[in-house]
Amino acid sequence: MDFRVGNGYDVHQLAEGLPLVLGGVKIPHTKGCVAHSDGDVLIHALCDALLGALALGDIGQHFPDTSDDYAGIDSRILLARVAVMVREKGWEIVNVDNTLLAQKPKIAPFVPAMRQALADTLGLPVGAVSVKATTTEHLGFVGREEGVAAYATCLLRRE
């Protein structure tokens, strides 16, 4: 049995008046992510983790921000496409673990919905999907509420 581990990281700037979508869930907030797609930093990091585990490049290589095809796209569509790539290569997603860095808004109330959205998109049981959130104690660009960031880790298995 073969295993692969992948990790991903993504950052998006925040700006007033834009929608905030994290983990496939629209979060009420005065700021949202500046991005070519819907700016879902958590899903972008997760895509990179899955692609990286199989040395398939990164999200920008597969879904370039220079293409009109991806303008405003729901990042769950990108994640579903990445999951198909993983399975077409003969691998199974065992579990994913995600950490979101945001000073505001408070993320905890949305974590169950994020876990469910990611599980549904990946075709996994919700117990195989972890979402955690933390602040940076007002330090750095996250702490100053200039942006949000996310880390993602995945485990893949091939029998």
N, C-alpha and C. Protein backbone atom coordinates (compact mmCIF):
# COMPACT_ATOMS: atom_id res chain seq x y z
N MET A 1 0.85 -1.18 0.00
CA MET A 1 0.00 0.00 0.00
C MET A 1 0.89 1.24 0.00
N ASP A 2 0.59 2.17 -0.89
CA ASP A 2 1.33 3.43 -0.98
C ASP A 2 0.55 4.55 -0.32
N PHE A 3 1.27 5.47 0.29
CA PHE A 3 0.67 6.67 0.87
C PHE A 3 1.40 7.90 0.35
N ARG A 4 0.70 9.00 0.24
CA ARG A 4 1.29 10.28 -0.11
C ARG A 4 0.68 11.35 0.80
N VAL A 5 1.50 12.29 1.21
CA VAL A 5 1.05 13.42 2.01
C VAL A 5 1.29 14.68 1.19
N GLY A 6 0.34 15.58 1.23
CA GLY A 6 0.50 16.87 0.55
C GLY A 6 0.19 18.00 1.50
N ASN A 7 0.80 19.15 1.25
CA ASN A 7 0.45 20.32 2.04
C ASN A 7 0.28 21.51 1.09
N GLY A 8 -0.55 22.43 1.50
CA GLY A 8 -0.80 23.61 0.70
C GLY A 8 -0.94 24.83 1.58
N TYR A 9 -0.73 25.98 0.97
CA TYR A 9 -0.82 27.26 1.67
C TYR A 9 -1.34 28.28 0.68
N ASP A 10 -2.22 29.15 1.14
CA ASP A 10 -2.69 30.22 0.28
C ASP A 10 -3.01 31.45 1.12
N VAL A 11 -2.96 32.61 0.47
CA VAL A 11 -3.22 33.90 1.10
C VAL A 11 -4.07 34.71 0.15
N HIS A 12 -5.02 35.46 0.70
CA HIS A 12 -5.75 36.44 -0.11
C HIS A 12 -5.90 37.73 0.68
N GLN A 13 -5.78 38.82 -0.04
CA GLN A 13 -6.00 40.14 0.53
C GLN A 13 -7.49 40.33 0.77
N LEU A 14 -7.82 41.07 1.81
CA LEU A 14 -9.21 41.42 2.11
C LEU A 14 -9.49 42.85 1.66
N ALA A 15 -10.72 43.08 1.19
CA ALA A 15 -11.15 44.43 0.80
C ALA A 15 -12.62 44.60 1.16
N GLU A 16 -12.98 45.82 1.47
CA GLU A 16 -14.37 46.16 1.83
C GLU A 16 -15.33 45.85 0.67
N GLY A 17 -16.51 45.37 1.05
CA GLY A 17 -17.60 45.22 0.09
C GLY A 17 -17.58 43.97 -0.77
N LEU A 18 -16.59 43.10 -0.59
CA LEU A 18 -16.54 41.85 -1.36
C LEU A 18 -17.11 40.71 -0.53
N PRO A 19 -17.67 39.68 -1.18
CA PRO A 19 -18.16 38.52 -0.43
C PRO A 19 -17.00 37.73 0.16
N LEU A 20 -17.22 37.16 1.33
CA LEU A 20 -16.22 36.32 1.98
C LEU A 20 -16.70 34.88 1.94
N VAL A 21 -15.97 34.06 1.19
CA VAL A 21 -16.29 32.64 1.07
C VAL A 21 -15.09 31.86 1.59
N LEU A 22 -15.33 31.00 2.58
CA LEU A 22 -14.27 30.21 3.19
C LEU A 22 -14.77 28.78 3.37
N GLY A 23 -14.01 27.83 2.88
CA GLY A 23 -14.41 26.44 3.02
C GLY A 23 -15.72 26.13 2.34
N GLY A 24 -16.03 26.87 1.28
CA GLY A 24 -17.26 26.64 0.54
C GLY A 24 -18.49 27.26 1.17
N VAL A 25 -18.31 28.10 2.19
CA VAL A 25 -19.43 28.70 2.92
C VAL A 25 -19.31 30.22 2.85
N LYS A 26 -20.41 30.88 2.51
CA LYS A 26 -20.42 32.35 2.51
C LYS A 26 -20.55 32.83 3.95
N ILE A 27 -19.59 33.67 4.37
CA ILE A 27 -19.50 34.15 5.74
C ILE A 27 -19.92 35.62 5.77
N PRO A 28 -20.87 36.00 6.61
CA PRO A 28 -21.22 37.42 6.71
C PRO A 28 -20.06 38.23 7.28
N HIS A 29 -19.63 39.24 6.54
CA HIS A 29 -18.52 40.09 6.98
C HIS A 29 -18.48 41.32 6.08
N THR A 30 -17.87 42.38 6.55
CA THR A 30 -17.78 43.60 5.76
C THR A 30 -16.70 43.53 4.70
N LYS A 31 -15.78 42.58 4.83
CA LYS A 31 -14.68 42.42 3.88
C LYS A 31 -14.73 41.04 3.25
N GLY A 32 -14.18 40.95 2.04
CA GLY A 32 -14.06 39.67 1.35
C GLY A 32 -12.71 39.59 0.65
N CYS A 33 -12.45 38.45 0.05
CA CYS A 33 -11.16 38.20 -0.58
C CYS A 33 -11.07 38.79 -1.97
N VAL A 34 -9.97 39.46 -2.22
CA VAL A 34 -9.64 39.97 -3.54
C VAL A 34 -9.07 38.78 -4.32
N ALA A 35 -9.73 38.41 -5.43
CA ALA A 35 -9.28 37.24 -6.18
C ALA A 35 -9.94 37.19 -7.55
N HIS A 36 -9.37 36.38 -8.42
CA HIS A 36 -9.93 36.14 -9.74
C HIS A 36 -11.16 35.23 -9.64
N SER A 37 -11.06 34.21 -8.76
CA SER A 37 -12.18 33.30 -8.50
C SER A 37 -13.01 33.88 -7.36
N ASP A 38 -13.70 33.02 -6.60
CA ASP A 38 -14.43 33.51 -5.42
C ASP A 38 -13.50 33.78 -4.24
N GLY A 39 -12.20 33.46 -4.40
CA GLY A 39 -11.21 33.79 -3.38
C GLY A 39 -11.22 32.91 -2.15
N ASP A 40 -11.74 31.69 -2.27
CA ASP A 40 -11.83 30.79 -1.11
C ASP A 40 -10.44 30.26 -0.78
N VAL A 41 -9.76 30.97 0.10
CA VAL A 41 -8.37 30.68 0.45
C VAL A 41 -8.21 29.27 1.02
N LEU A 42 -9.19 28.79 1.77
CA LEU A 42 -9.09 27.45 2.35
C LEU A 42 -9.13 26.39 1.27
N ILE A 43 -10.05 26.51 0.33
CA ILE A 43 -10.14 25.53 -0.76
C ILE A 43 -8.92 25.62 -1.66
N HIS A 44 -8.39 26.81 -1.90
CA HIS A 44 -7.20 26.94 -2.73
C HIS A 44 -6.01 26.22 -2.10
N ALA A 45 -5.84 26.36 -0.79
CA ALA A 45 -4.76 25.65 -0.10
C ALA A 45 -4.97 24.15 -0.19
N LEU A 46 -6.22 23.71 -0.06
CA LEU A 46 -6.52 22.29 -0.13
C LEU A 46 -6.26 21.73 -1.52
N CYS A 47 -6.62 22.47 -2.56
CA CYS A 47 -6.29 22.05 -3.93
C CYS A 47 -4.79 21.86 -4.08
N ASP A 48 -4.01 22.82 -3.57
CA ASP A 48 -2.56 22.70 -3.67
C ASP A 48 -2.03 21.50 -2.89
N ALA A 49 -2.60 21.19 -1.75
CA ALA A 49 -2.17 20.02 -0.98
C ALA A 49 -2.41 18.74 -1.78
N LEU A 50 -3.60 18.62 -2.36
CA LEU A 50 -3.94 17.41 -3.12
C LEU A 50 -3.07 17.28 -4.37
N LEU A 51 -2.89 18.38 -5.09
CA LEU A 51 -2.05 18.36 -6.29
C LEU A 51 -0.60 18.08 -5.91
N GLY A 52 -0.13 18.70 -4.84
CA GLY A 52 1.26 18.52 -4.42
C GLY A 52 1.57 17.10 -3.99
N ALA A 53 0.62 16.43 -3.38
CA ALA A 53 0.84 15.06 -2.93
C ALA A 53 1.21 14.14 -4.10
N LEU A 54 0.71 14.46 -5.28
CA LEU A 54 0.98 13.64 -6.46
C LEU A 54 1.92 14.32 -7.45
N ALA A 55 2.56 15.40 -7.01
CA ALA A 55 3.50 16.16 -7.86
C ALA A 55 2.83 16.59 -9.16
N LEU A 56 1.59 17.09 -9.05
CA LEU A 56 0.83 17.53 -10.22
C LEU A 56 0.84 19.05 -10.38
N GLY A 57 1.76 19.72 -9.72
CA GLY A 57 1.82 21.18 -9.84
C GLY A 57 0.97 21.85 -8.80
N ASP A 58 0.44 23.03 -9.16
CA ASP A 58 -0.35 23.80 -8.21
C ASP A 58 -1.62 24.32 -8.86
N ILE A 59 -2.45 24.94 -8.07
CA ILE A 59 -3.76 25.40 -8.54
C ILE A 59 -3.64 26.40 -9.69
N GLY A 60 -2.64 27.27 -9.63
CA GLY A 60 -2.45 28.26 -10.68
C GLY A 60 -2.07 27.64 -12.02
N GLN A 61 -1.40 26.51 -11.98
CA GLN A 61 -1.03 25.80 -13.21
C GLN A 61 -2.26 25.20 -13.89
N HIS A 62 -3.18 24.67 -13.09
CA HIS A 62 -4.36 24.00 -13.63
C HIS A 62 -5.52 24.96 -13.90
N PHE A 63 -5.63 26.01 -13.09
CA PHE A 63 -6.74 26.97 -13.19
C PHE A 63 -6.18 28.39 -13.15
N PRO A 64 -5.49 28.83 -14.20
CA PRO A 64 -4.78 30.12 -14.16
C PRO A 64 -5.71 31.31 -13.99
N ASP A 65 -5.23 32.28 -13.22
CA ASP A 65 -6.02 33.49 -12.99
C ASP A 65 -5.98 34.45 -14.18
N THR A 66 -5.34 34.02 -15.24
CA THR A 66 -5.34 34.79 -16.49
C THR A 66 -6.45 34.31 -17.44
N SER A 67 -7.16 33.25 -17.04
CA SER A 67 -8.20 32.68 -17.88
C SER A 67 -9.58 33.18 -17.46
N ASP A 68 -10.35 33.66 -18.42
CA ASP A 68 -11.72 34.09 -18.15
C ASP A 68 -12.60 32.93 -17.70
N ASP A 69 -12.19 31.69 -18.00
CA ASP A 69 -12.97 30.51 -17.60
C ASP A 69 -13.13 30.42 -16.09
N TYR A 70 -12.21 31.01 -15.35
CA TYR A 70 -12.22 30.87 -13.90
C TYR A 70 -12.60 32.16 -13.18
N ALA A 71 -12.98 33.18 -13.92
CA ALA A 71 -13.37 34.46 -13.32
C ALA A 71 -14.62 34.26 -12.47
N GLY A 72 -14.50 34.53 -11.16
CA GLY A 72 -15.63 34.42 -10.25
C GLY A 72 -16.09 33.01 -9.95
N ILE A 73 -15.36 32.00 -10.39
CA ILE A 73 -15.80 30.61 -10.23
C ILE A 73 -15.87 30.20 -8.76
N ASP A 74 -16.84 29.38 -8.45
CA ASP A 74 -16.99 28.78 -7.14
C ASP A 74 -15.82 27.81 -6.95
N SER A 75 -15.01 28.02 -5.95
CA SER A 75 -13.82 27.19 -5.74
C SER A 75 -14.15 25.73 -5.46
N ARG A 76 -15.38 25.44 -5.05
CA ARG A 76 -15.76 24.03 -4.89
C ARG A 76 -15.71 23.30 -6.22
N ILE A 77 -15.95 24.00 -7.32
CA ILE A 77 -15.84 23.39 -8.65
C ILE A 77 -14.38 23.01 -8.91
N LEU A 78 -13.47 23.90 -8.55
CA LEU A 78 -12.05 23.61 -8.73
C LEU A 78 -11.63 22.42 -7.86
N LEU A 79 -12.09 22.39 -6.62
CA LEU A 79 -11.76 21.29 -5.71
C LEU A 79 -12.30 19.97 -6.24
N ALA A 80 -13.52 19.98 -6.76
CA ALA A 80 -14.10 18.75 -7.33
C ALA A 80 -13.26 18.27 -8.51
N ARG A 81 -12.79 19.19 -9.33
CA ARG A 81 -11.95 18.81 -10.48
C ARG A 81 -10.62 18.23 -10.02
N VAL A 82 -10.05 18.81 -8.97
CA VAL A 82 -8.79 18.28 -8.43
C VAL A 82 -9.02 16.87 -7.87
N ALA A 83 -10.13 16.66 -7.17
CA ALA A 83 -10.44 15.33 -6.63
C ALA A 83 -10.56 14.31 -7.75
N VAL A 84 -11.14 14.69 -8.87
CA VAL A 84 -11.22 13.80 -10.04
C VAL A 84 -9.81 13.46 -10.53
N MET A 85 -8.94 14.46 -10.62
CA MET A 85 -7.55 14.21 -11.05
C MET A 85 -6.87 13.19 -10.15
N VAL A 86 -7.06 13.37 -8.83
CA VAL A 86 -6.45 12.46 -7.86
C VAL A 86 -6.96 11.04 -8.10
N ARG A 87 -8.26 10.89 -8.24
CA ARG A 87 -8.84 9.55 -8.42
C ARG A 87 -8.46 8.94 -9.77
N GLU A 88 -8.35 9.77 -10.80
CA GLU A 88 -7.95 9.26 -12.12
C GLU A 88 -6.52 8.73 -12.10
N LYS A 89 -5.70 9.22 -11.19
CA LYS A 89 -4.33 8.73 -11.03
C LYS A 89 -4.28 7.47 -10.17
N GLY A 90 -5.45 7.02 -9.69
CA GLY A 90 -5.51 5.78 -8.92
C GLY A 90 -5.36 5.94 -7.43
N TRP A 91 -5.56 7.17 -6.92
CA TRP A 91 -5.39 7.43 -5.50
C TRP A 91 -6.73 7.73 -4.85
N GLU A 92 -6.79 7.43 -3.56
CA GLU A 92 -7.97 7.70 -2.73
C GLU A 92 -7.59 8.75 -1.69
N ILE A 93 -8.48 9.71 -1.47
CA ILE A 93 -8.27 10.71 -0.43
C ILE A 93 -8.69 10.08 0.90
N VAL A 94 -7.75 9.98 1.83
CA VAL A 94 -8.03 9.37 3.13
C VAL A 94 -8.61 10.42 4.07
N ASN A 95 -7.91 11.55 4.21
CA ASN A 95 -8.41 12.63 5.05
C ASN A 95 -7.74 13.94 4.68
N VAL A 96 -8.36 15.02 5.10
CA VAL A 96 -7.80 16.37 4.90
C VAL A 96 -7.89 17.13 6.21
N ASP A 97 -6.89 17.96 6.45
CA ASP A 97 -6.82 18.76 7.67
C ASP A 97 -6.49 20.19 7.26
N ASN A 98 -7.32 21.15 7.64
CA ASN A 98 -7.19 22.54 7.20
C ASN A 98 -7.14 23.48 8.39
N THR A 99 -6.30 24.50 8.28
CA THR A 99 -6.24 25.54 9.30
C THR A 99 -6.40 26.89 8.62
N LEU A 100 -7.38 27.65 9.08
CA LEU A 100 -7.66 28.97 8.54
C LEU A 100 -7.13 30.01 9.52
N LEU A 101 -6.44 31.04 8.99
CA LEU A 101 -5.93 32.14 9.81
C LEU A 101 -6.71 33.39 9.46
N ALA A 102 -7.48 33.88 10.41
CA ALA A 102 -8.30 35.09 10.21
C ALA A 102 -8.48 35.77 11.56
N GLN A 103 -8.24 37.07 11.59
CA GLN A 103 -8.46 37.82 12.83
C GLN A 103 -9.96 38.00 13.07
N LYS A 104 -10.67 38.37 12.02
CA LYS A 104 -12.13 38.52 12.05
C LYS A 104 -12.66 38.07 10.71
N PRO A 105 -13.85 37.59 10.64
CA PRO A 105 -14.80 37.33 11.71
C PRO A 105 -14.46 36.03 12.44
N LYS A 106 -15.17 35.78 13.52
CA LYS A 106 -15.01 34.51 14.23
C LYS A 106 -15.50 33.39 13.33
N ILE A 107 -14.70 32.36 13.19
CA ILE A 107 -14.96 31.28 12.24
C ILE A 107 -15.69 30.09 12.88
N ALA A 108 -15.51 29.89 14.18
CA ALA A 108 -16.04 28.69 14.85
C ALA A 108 -17.50 28.38 14.51
N PRO A 109 -18.41 29.37 14.45
CA PRO A 109 -19.80 29.02 14.15
C PRO A 109 -20.01 28.42 12.75
N PHE A 110 -19.05 28.62 11.85
CA PHE A 110 -19.19 28.16 10.47
C PHE A 110 -18.44 26.87 10.18
N VAL A 111 -17.65 26.40 11.14
CA VAL A 111 -16.83 25.21 10.92
C VAL A 111 -17.66 23.98 10.54
N PRO A 112 -18.76 23.66 11.22
CA PRO A 112 -19.52 22.48 10.80
C PRO A 112 -20.00 22.55 9.34
N ALA A 113 -20.45 23.72 8.91
CA ALA A 113 -20.91 23.87 7.52
C ALA A 113 -19.74 23.75 6.55
N MET A 114 -18.56 24.28 6.92
CA MET A 114 -17.38 24.14 6.07
C MET A 114 -16.98 22.68 5.93
N ARG A 115 -16.95 21.98 7.05
CA ARG A 115 -16.59 20.55 7.01
C ARG A 115 -17.54 19.78 6.11
N GLN A 116 -18.83 20.08 6.23
CA GLN A 116 -19.82 19.38 5.41
C GLN A 116 -19.65 19.73 3.93
N ALA A 117 -19.43 21.01 3.62
CA ALA A 117 -19.26 21.43 2.22
C ALA A 117 -18.03 20.77 1.60
N LEU A 118 -16.94 20.72 2.34
CA LEU A 118 -15.73 20.08 1.82
C LEU A 118 -15.92 18.58 1.68
N ALA A 119 -16.55 17.95 2.66
CA ALA A 119 -16.81 16.51 2.59
C ALA A 119 -17.68 16.18 1.38
N ASP A 120 -18.73 16.95 1.19
CA ASP A 120 -19.62 16.72 0.04
C ASP A 120 -18.88 16.89 -1.28
N THR A 121 -18.05 17.91 -1.37
CA THR A 121 -17.32 18.19 -2.60
C THR A 121 -16.30 17.09 -2.91
N LEU A 122 -15.66 16.58 -1.88
CA LEU A 122 -14.62 15.56 -2.05
C LEU A 122 -15.17 14.13 -2.05
N GLY A 123 -16.45 13.96 -1.69
CA GLY A 123 -17.01 12.62 -1.59
C GLY A 123 -16.44 11.84 -0.41
N LEU A 124 -16.21 12.56 0.68
CA LEU A 124 -15.66 11.95 1.90
C LEU A 124 -16.67 12.01 3.03
N PRO A 125 -16.54 11.13 4.02
CA PRO A 125 -17.34 11.31 5.23
C PRO A 125 -16.86 12.55 5.97
N VAL A 126 -17.77 13.23 6.63
CA VAL A 126 -17.40 14.47 7.33
C VAL A 126 -16.33 14.21 8.39
N GLY A 127 -16.27 13.01 8.91
CA GLY A 127 -15.25 12.66 9.90
C GLY A 127 -13.84 12.63 9.33
N ALA A 128 -13.71 12.66 8.02
CA ALA A 128 -12.39 12.66 7.37
C ALA A 128 -11.95 14.08 6.99
N VAL A 129 -12.73 15.07 7.42
CA VAL A 129 -12.46 16.47 7.05
C VAL A 129 -12.35 17.31 8.32
N SER A 130 -11.19 17.89 8.53
CA SER A 130 -10.97 18.75 9.68
C SER A 130 -10.82 20.19 9.21
N VAL A 131 -11.47 21.11 9.92
CA VAL A 131 -11.29 22.55 9.70
C VAL A 131 -11.09 23.18 11.07
N LYS A 132 -9.99 23.90 11.19
CA LYS A 132 -9.68 24.62 12.41
C LYS A 132 -9.44 26.08 12.04
N ALA A 133 -9.58 26.96 12.99
CA ALA A 133 -9.32 28.38 12.73
C ALA A 133 -8.55 28.97 13.91
N THR A 134 -7.76 29.95 13.59
CA THR A 134 -7.01 30.66 14.62
C THR A 134 -6.83 32.11 14.19
N THR A 135 -6.58 32.96 15.15
CA THR A 135 -6.19 34.34 14.87
C THR A 135 -4.67 34.39 14.90
N THR A 136 -4.11 35.54 14.64
CA THR A 136 -2.67 35.70 14.80
C THR A 136 -2.38 36.72 15.91
N GLU A 137 -3.34 36.86 16.83
CA GLU A 137 -3.18 37.74 17.99
C GLU A 137 -2.80 39.16 17.56
N HIS A 138 -3.44 39.61 16.49
CA HIS A 138 -3.26 40.96 15.95
C HIS A 138 -1.87 41.22 15.36
N LEU A 139 -1.13 40.15 15.07
CA LEU A 139 0.20 40.28 14.47
C LEU A 139 0.13 40.06 12.96
N GLY A 140 0.95 40.75 12.21
CA GLY A 140 1.08 40.55 10.77
C GLY A 140 -0.14 40.98 9.98
N PHE A 141 -0.14 40.64 8.66
CA PHE A 141 -1.23 41.07 7.79
C PHE A 141 -2.56 40.46 8.19
N VAL A 142 -2.55 39.25 8.75
CA VAL A 142 -3.80 38.64 9.22
C VAL A 142 -4.31 39.41 10.44
N GLY A 143 -3.43 39.68 11.37
CA GLY A 143 -3.80 40.40 12.58
C GLY A 143 -4.30 41.82 12.33
N ARG A 144 -3.76 42.45 11.28
CA ARG A 144 -4.21 43.79 10.90
C ARG A 144 -5.47 43.74 10.02
N GLU A 145 -5.99 42.55 9.79
CA GLU A 145 -7.19 42.32 8.97
C GLU A 145 -7.01 42.79 7.53
N GLU A 146 -5.80 42.66 7.04
CA GLU A 146 -5.50 42.99 5.64
C GLU A 146 -5.69 41.77 4.74
N GLY A 147 -5.67 40.59 5.34
CA GLY A 147 -5.80 39.37 4.55
C GLY A 147 -6.13 38.18 5.43
N VAL A 148 -6.37 37.06 4.77
CA VAL A 148 -6.59 35.77 5.42
C VAL A 148 -5.66 34.76 4.76
N ALA A 149 -5.37 33.70 5.48
CA ALA A 149 -4.48 32.65 4.98
C ALA A 149 -5.02 31.30 5.40
N ALA A 150 -4.54 30.26 4.73
CA ALA A 150 -4.95 28.90 5.09
C ALA A 150 -3.82 27.92 4.80
N TYR A 151 -3.74 26.91 5.65
CA TYR A 151 -2.86 25.76 5.46
C TYR A 151 -3.74 24.54 5.28
N ALA A 152 -3.29 23.60 4.45
CA ALA A 152 -4.03 22.36 4.26
C ALA A 152 -3.05 21.20 4.15
N THR A 153 -3.46 20.08 4.69
CA THR A 153 -2.70 18.84 4.60
C THR A 153 -3.64 17.73 4.19
N CYS A 154 -3.15 16.82 3.36
CA CYS A 154 -3.98 15.68 2.96
C CYS A 154 -3.16 14.39 3.02
N LEU A 155 -3.88 13.30 3.17
CA LEU A 155 -3.28 11.97 3.09
C LEU A 155 -3.99 11.22 1.97
N LEU A 156 -3.20 10.67 1.05
CA LEU A 156 -3.72 9.87 -0.06
C LEU A 156 -3.22 8.45 0.09
N ARG A 157 -4.04 7.50 -0.41
CA ARG A 157 -3.68 6.08 -0.34
C ARG A 157 -3.93 5.42 -1.68
N ARG A 158 -3.02 4.54 -2.06
CA ARG A 158 -3.21 3.70 -3.24
C ARG A 158 -2.88 2.27 -2.84
N GLU A 159 -3.84 1.39 -3.08
CA GLU A 159 -3.61 -0.02 -2.70
C GLU A 159 -3.07 -0.79 -3.88
